[in-house]
Amino acid sequence: MPFERSKYPADWEDFSRRIRFERAKGQCECAGECALHDGHDLFFPVARRCVERHGTLAQYARGEIILTVAHLNRADGPCKCNPLCAINDHVKAMCQRCHIRYDIERHVAHRKRTAKEGAPKCPRCGCATGQGDPLCLLCLAVEEGVIREEDR
């Protein structure tokens, strides 16, 4: 997923690699922050870690898993840093599905904001893509099975 490099620390690539492959050992670290494996499930009544692994085919979505690093900066998260930080306790390695679900409110707000600014329109839903991409990030996530249509 694209990101604005200027909002991240200069050593972000090294920091991200350490989080994803040394600390997380290539596995998504989400333990319910995305609301998928949070213990509120009939079959899994206890919060558990996501099973998706970098470079493998997704078990619960489509395509190959690419681990990303998510800042835990929602209102209930530990990261309140602005600009974004490189502090171990403020981030988790997450698969695309968990990361976009964790950040869904921010993505929806960005979509509404860019629609008002006259950004290029998504051909699927008509929202502003903000980057001239053929599909907005949320439609792309639905198309690739990362999130469900009703979660947009």
C-alpha atoms as a PDB file:
ATOM      1  CA  MET A   1       0.000   0.000   0.000  1.00  0.00           C
ATOM      2  CA  PRO A   2       1.303   3.469  -0.776  1.00  0.00           C
ATOM      3  CA  PHE A   3       2.388   5.742   2.028  1.00  0.00           C
ATOM      4  CA  GLU A   4       3.714   9.277   2.329  1.00  0.00           C
ATOM      5  CA  ARG A   5       7.393   8.701   3.054  1.00  0.00           C
ATOM      6  CA  SER A   6       7.824  12.269   4.340  1.00  0.00           C
ATOM      7  CA  LYS A   7       5.606  11.459   7.362  1.00  0.00           C
ATOM      8  CA  TYR A   8       7.936   8.669   8.546  1.00  0.00           C
ATOM      9  CA  PRO A   9      11.327   8.696  10.297  1.00  0.00           C
ATOM     10  CA  ALA A  10      14.442   8.662   8.093  1.00  0.00           C
ATOM     11  CA  ASP A  11      15.354   5.108   9.197  1.00  0.00           C
ATOM     12  CA  TRP A  12      11.849   3.740   8.548  1.00  0.00           C
ATOM     13  CA  GLU A  13      12.897   1.004   6.097  1.00  0.00           C
ATOM     14  CA  ASP A  14      15.389  -0.511   8.574  1.00  0.00           C
ATOM     15  CA  PHE A  15      13.008  -0.119  11.503  1.00  0.00           C
ATOM     16  CA  SER A  16      10.156  -1.702   9.522  1.00  0.00           C
ATOM     17  CA  ARG A  17      12.319  -4.641   8.453  1.00  0.00           C
ATOM     18  CA  ARG A  18      13.386  -5.275  12.072  1.00  0.00           C
ATOM     19  CA  ILE A  19       9.777  -5.227  13.300  1.00  0.00           C
ATOM     20  CA  ARG A  20       8.450  -7.477  10.519  1.00  0.00           C
ATOM     21  CA  PHE A  21      11.207 -10.063  10.346  1.00  0.00           C
ATOM     22  CA  GLU A  22      13.191 -10.035  13.598  1.00  0.00           C
ATOM     23  CA  ARG A  23      10.524  -9.280  16.182  1.00  0.00           C
ATOM     24  CA  ALA A  24       7.463 -10.729  14.403  1.00  0.00           C
ATOM     25  CA  LYS A  25       9.440 -13.486  12.634  1.00  0.00           C
ATOM     26  CA  GLY A  26       7.403 -12.929   9.457  1.00  0.00           C
ATOM     27  CA  GLN A  27       3.982 -13.439  11.084  1.00  0.00           C
ATOM     28  CA  CYS A  28       1.242 -10.868  11.565  1.00  0.00           C
ATOM     29  CA  GLU A  29       1.298  -9.636  15.184  1.00  0.00           C
ATOM     30  CA  CYS A  30      -2.330  -8.509  15.271  1.00  0.00           C
ATOM     31  CA  ALA A  31      -4.053  -9.996  18.300  1.00  0.00           C
ATOM     32  CA  GLY A  32      -7.536  -8.626  17.782  1.00  0.00           C
ATOM     33  CA  GLU A  33      -6.795  -4.941  17.176  1.00  0.00           C
ATOM     34  CA  CYS A  34      -8.458  -5.364  13.757  1.00  0.00           C
ATOM     35  CA  ALA A  35     -11.580  -6.868  15.424  1.00  0.00           C
ATOM     36  CA  LEU A  36     -11.181 -10.207  13.607  1.00  0.00           C
ATOM     37  CA  HIS A  37      -9.445 -12.365  16.240  1.00  0.00           C
ATOM     38  CA  ASP A  38     -10.371 -10.416  19.336  1.00  0.00           C
ATOM     39  CA  GLY A  39     -12.031 -13.272  21.242  1.00  0.00           C
ATOM     40  CA  HIS A  40     -15.581 -12.234  20.360  1.00  0.00           C
ATOM     41  CA  ASP A  41     -16.097 -15.282  18.155  1.00  0.00           C
ATOM     42  CA  LEU A  42     -18.147 -18.399  18.847  1.00  0.00           C
ATOM     43  CA  PHE A  43     -15.335 -20.696  17.683  1.00  0.00           C
ATOM     44  CA  PHE A  44     -12.442 -18.678  19.161  1.00  0.00           C
ATOM     45  CA  PRO A  45     -13.651 -17.125  22.442  1.00  0.00           C
ATOM     46  CA  VAL A  46     -10.103 -15.999  23.368  1.00  0.00           C
ATOM     47  CA  ALA A  47      -8.099 -13.301  21.561  1.00  0.00           C
ATOM     48  CA  ARG A  48      -5.377 -14.842  19.439  1.00  0.00           C
ATOM     49  CA  ARG A  49      -2.610 -13.805  17.087  1.00  0.00           C
ATOM     50  CA  CYS A  50      -3.341 -13.667  13.361  1.00  0.00           C
ATOM     51  CA  VAL A  51      -1.897 -16.656  11.491  1.00  0.00           C
ATOM     52  CA  GLU A  52      -0.953 -14.899   8.225  1.00  0.00           C
ATOM     53  CA  ARG A  53       2.752 -15.076   7.254  1.00  0.00           C
ATOM     54  CA  HIS A  54       4.748 -12.843   4.916  1.00  0.00           C
ATOM     55  CA  GLY A  55       5.299 -14.241   1.427  1.00  0.00           C
ATOM     56  CA  THR A  56       2.672 -16.991   1.693  1.00  0.00           C
ATOM     57  CA  LEU A  57      -0.759 -17.233   0.117  1.00  0.00           C
ATOM     58  CA  ALA A  58      -3.394 -15.684   2.349  1.00  0.00           C
ATOM     59  CA  GLN A  59      -5.492 -18.101   4.369  1.00  0.00           C
ATOM     60  CA  TYR A  60      -8.364 -15.668   4.970  1.00  0.00           C
ATOM     61  CA  ALA A  61      -8.155 -13.357   1.956  1.00  0.00           C
ATOM     62  CA  ARG A  62      -6.828 -13.631  -1.596  1.00  0.00           C
ATOM     63  CA  GLY A  63      -3.313 -13.194  -2.844  1.00  0.00           C
ATOM     64  CA  GLU A  64       0.105 -13.134  -1.250  1.00  0.00           C
ATOM     65  CA  ILE A  65       0.625 -11.788   2.255  1.00  0.00           C
ATOM     66  CA  ILE A  66       2.847  -8.735   2.541  1.00  0.00           C
ATOM     67  CA  LEU A  67       3.577  -7.714   6.113  1.00  0.00           C
ATOM     68  CA  THR A  68       3.366  -4.011   6.858  1.00  0.00           C
ATOM     69  CA  VAL A  69       4.029  -2.029  10.021  1.00  0.00           C
ATOM     70  CA  ALA A  70       0.969  -0.412  11.586  1.00  0.00           C
ATOM     71  CA  HIS A  71       1.172   2.495  14.005  1.00  0.00           C
ATOM     72  CA  LEU A  72      -1.166   1.793  16.899  1.00  0.00           C
ATOM     73  CA  ASN A  73      -2.447   5.357  16.770  1.00  0.00           C
ATOM     74  CA  ARG A  74      -6.210   5.044  17.089  1.00  0.00           C
ATOM     75  CA  ALA A  75      -7.713   6.758  20.117  1.00  0.00           C
ATOM     76  CA  ASP A  76      -7.329   3.545  22.151  1.00  0.00           C
ATOM     77  CA  GLY A  77      -3.747   2.868  20.994  1.00  0.00           C
ATOM     78  CA  PRO A  78      -0.415   3.749  22.630  1.00  0.00           C
ATOM     79  CA  CYS A  79       1.003   5.892  19.788  1.00  0.00           C
ATOM     80  CA  LYS A  80       0.094   9.568  19.970  1.00  0.00           C
ATOM     81  CA  CYS A  81       3.202  10.681  18.080  1.00  0.00           C
ATOM     82  CA  ASN A  82       3.074  13.350  15.407  1.00  0.00           C
ATOM     83  CA  PRO A  83       5.020  12.964  13.212  1.00  0.00           C
ATOM     84  CA  LEU A  84       4.903   9.169  13.165  1.00  0.00           C
ATOM     85  CA  CYS A  85       7.549   7.459  15.269  1.00  0.00           C
ATOM     86  CA  ALA A  86       9.870   4.466  15.222  1.00  0.00           C
ATOM     87  CA  ILE A  87       9.170   3.249  18.756  1.00  0.00           C
ATOM     88  CA  ASN A  88       8.830  -0.534  19.137  1.00  0.00           C
ATOM     89  CA  ASP A  89       5.859  -0.423  21.529  1.00  0.00           C
ATOM     90  CA  HIS A  90       3.916   1.918  19.219  1.00  0.00           C
ATOM     91  CA  VAL A  91       3.782  -0.437  16.229  1.00  0.00           C
ATOM     92  CA  LYS A  92       2.887  -3.970  15.191  1.00  0.00           C
ATOM     93  CA  ALA A  93       3.675  -5.976  12.082  1.00  0.00           C
ATOM     94  CA  MET A  94       0.337  -6.620  10.365  1.00  0.00           C
ATOM     95  CA  CYS A  95      -0.847  -8.359   7.221  1.00  0.00           C
ATOM     96  CA  GLN A  96      -2.720  -6.174   4.727  1.00  0.00           C
ATOM     97  CA  ARG A  97      -6.111  -7.385   5.959  1.00  0.00           C
ATOM     98  CA  CYS A  98      -5.481  -6.591   9.627  1.00  0.00           C
ATOM     99  CA  HIS A  99      -3.740  -3.279   8.854  1.00  0.00           C
ATOM    100  CA  ILE A 100      -6.528  -1.871   6.688  1.00  0.00           C
ATOM    101  CA  ARG A 101      -9.178  -3.022   9.163  1.00  0.00           C
ATOM    102  CA  TYR A 102      -7.239  -1.387  12.008  1.00  0.00           C
ATOM    103  CA  ASP A 103      -6.997   1.891  10.033  1.00  0.00           C
ATOM    104  CA  ILE A 104     -10.464   1.741   8.437  1.00  0.00           C
ATOM    105  CA  GLU A 105     -11.788   4.896  10.143  1.00  0.00           C
ATOM    106  CA  ARG A 106      -8.777   6.886   8.953  1.00  0.00           C
ATOM    107  CA  HIS A 107      -9.205   5.582   5.378  1.00  0.00           C
ATOM    108  CA  VAL A 108     -12.909   6.472   5.315  1.00  0.00           C
ATOM    109  CA  ALA A 109     -12.173   9.984   6.653  1.00  0.00           C
ATOM    110  CA  HIS A 110      -9.428  10.458   4.038  1.00  0.00           C
ATOM    111  CA  ARG A 111     -11.790   9.330   1.277  1.00  0.00           C
ATOM    112  CA  LYS A 112     -14.426  11.869   2.361  1.00  0.00           C
ATOM    113  CA  ARG A 113     -11.844  14.649   2.685  1.00  0.00           C
ATOM    114  CA  THR A 114     -10.313  14.064  -0.749  1.00  0.00           C
ATOM    115  CA  ALA A 115     -13.762  13.848  -2.364  1.00  0.00           C
ATOM    116  CA  LYS A 116     -14.322  17.448  -1.314  1.00  0.00           C
ATOM    117  CA  GLU A 117     -10.961  18.473  -2.789  1.00  0.00           C
ATOM    118  CA  GLY A 118     -11.879  17.299  -6.298  1.00  0.00           C
ATOM    119  CA  ALA A 119      -9.465  14.364  -6.410  1.00  0.00           C
ATOM    120  CA  PRO A 120      -9.738  11.768  -9.210  1.00  0.00           C
ATOM    121  CA  LYS A 121     -12.789   9.525  -8.846  1.00  0.00           C
ATOM    122  CA  CYS A 122     -12.823   5.768  -8.262  1.00  0.00           C
ATOM    123  CA  PRO A 123     -14.687   4.101 -11.169  1.00  0.00           C
ATOM    124  CA  ARG A 124     -16.260   1.526  -8.845  1.00  0.00           C
ATOM    125  CA  CYS A 125     -17.781   3.653  -6.072  1.00  0.00           C
ATOM    126  CA  GLY A 126     -17.323   7.209  -7.336  1.00  0.00           C
ATOM    127  CA  CYS A 127     -15.333   8.340  -4.299  1.00  0.00           C
ATOM    128  CA  ALA A 128     -12.144  10.340  -4.612  1.00  0.00           C
ATOM    129  CA  THR A 129      -9.096   8.092  -4.823  1.00  0.00           C
ATOM    130  CA  GLY A 130      -6.784  10.929  -3.861  1.00  0.00           C
ATOM    131  CA  GLN A 131      -3.869   9.565  -5.867  1.00  0.00           C
ATOM    132  CA  GLY A 132      -5.159   9.080  -9.391  1.00  0.00           C
ATOM    133  CA  ASP A 133      -5.278   5.321  -8.798  1.00  0.00           C
ATOM    134  CA  PRO A 134      -7.852   3.366 -10.808  1.00  0.00           C
ATOM    135  CA  LEU A 135      -9.568   2.145  -7.610  1.00  0.00           C
ATOM    136  CA  CYS A 136      -9.715   3.719  -4.183  1.00  0.00           C
ATOM    137  CA  LEU A 137      -7.884   1.854  -1.420  1.00  0.00           C
ATOM    138  CA  LEU A 138     -11.131   0.564   0.088  1.00  0.00           C
ATOM    139  CA  CYS A 139     -12.506  -0.756  -3.239  1.00  0.00           C
ATOM    140  CA  LEU A 140      -9.154  -2.401  -3.921  1.00  0.00           C
ATOM    141  CA  ALA A 141      -9.279  -4.018  -0.460  1.00  0.00           C
ATOM    142  CA  VAL A 142     -12.787  -5.351  -1.192  1.00  0.00           C
ATOM    143  CA  GLU A 143     -11.738  -6.600  -4.628  1.00  0.00           C
ATOM    144  CA  GLU A 144      -8.754  -8.446  -3.183  1.00  0.00           C
ATOM    145  CA  GLY A 145     -10.785  -9.950  -0.328  1.00  0.00           C
ATOM    146  CA  VAL A 146      -8.984  -7.987   2.392  1.00  0.00           C
ATOM    147  CA  ILE A 147     -12.241  -6.541   3.739  1.00  0.00           C
ATOM    148  CA  ARG A 148     -15.909  -7.241   3.049  1.00  0.00           C
ATOM    149  CA  GLU A 149     -18.071  -4.834   1.048  1.00  0.00           C
ATOM    150  CA  GLU A 150     -20.198  -4.111   4.129  1.00  0.00           C
ATOM    151  CA  ASP A 151     -17.067  -3.054   6.099  1.00  0.00           C
ATOM    152  CA  ARG A 152     -16.240  -0.217   3.647  1.00  0.00           C
END
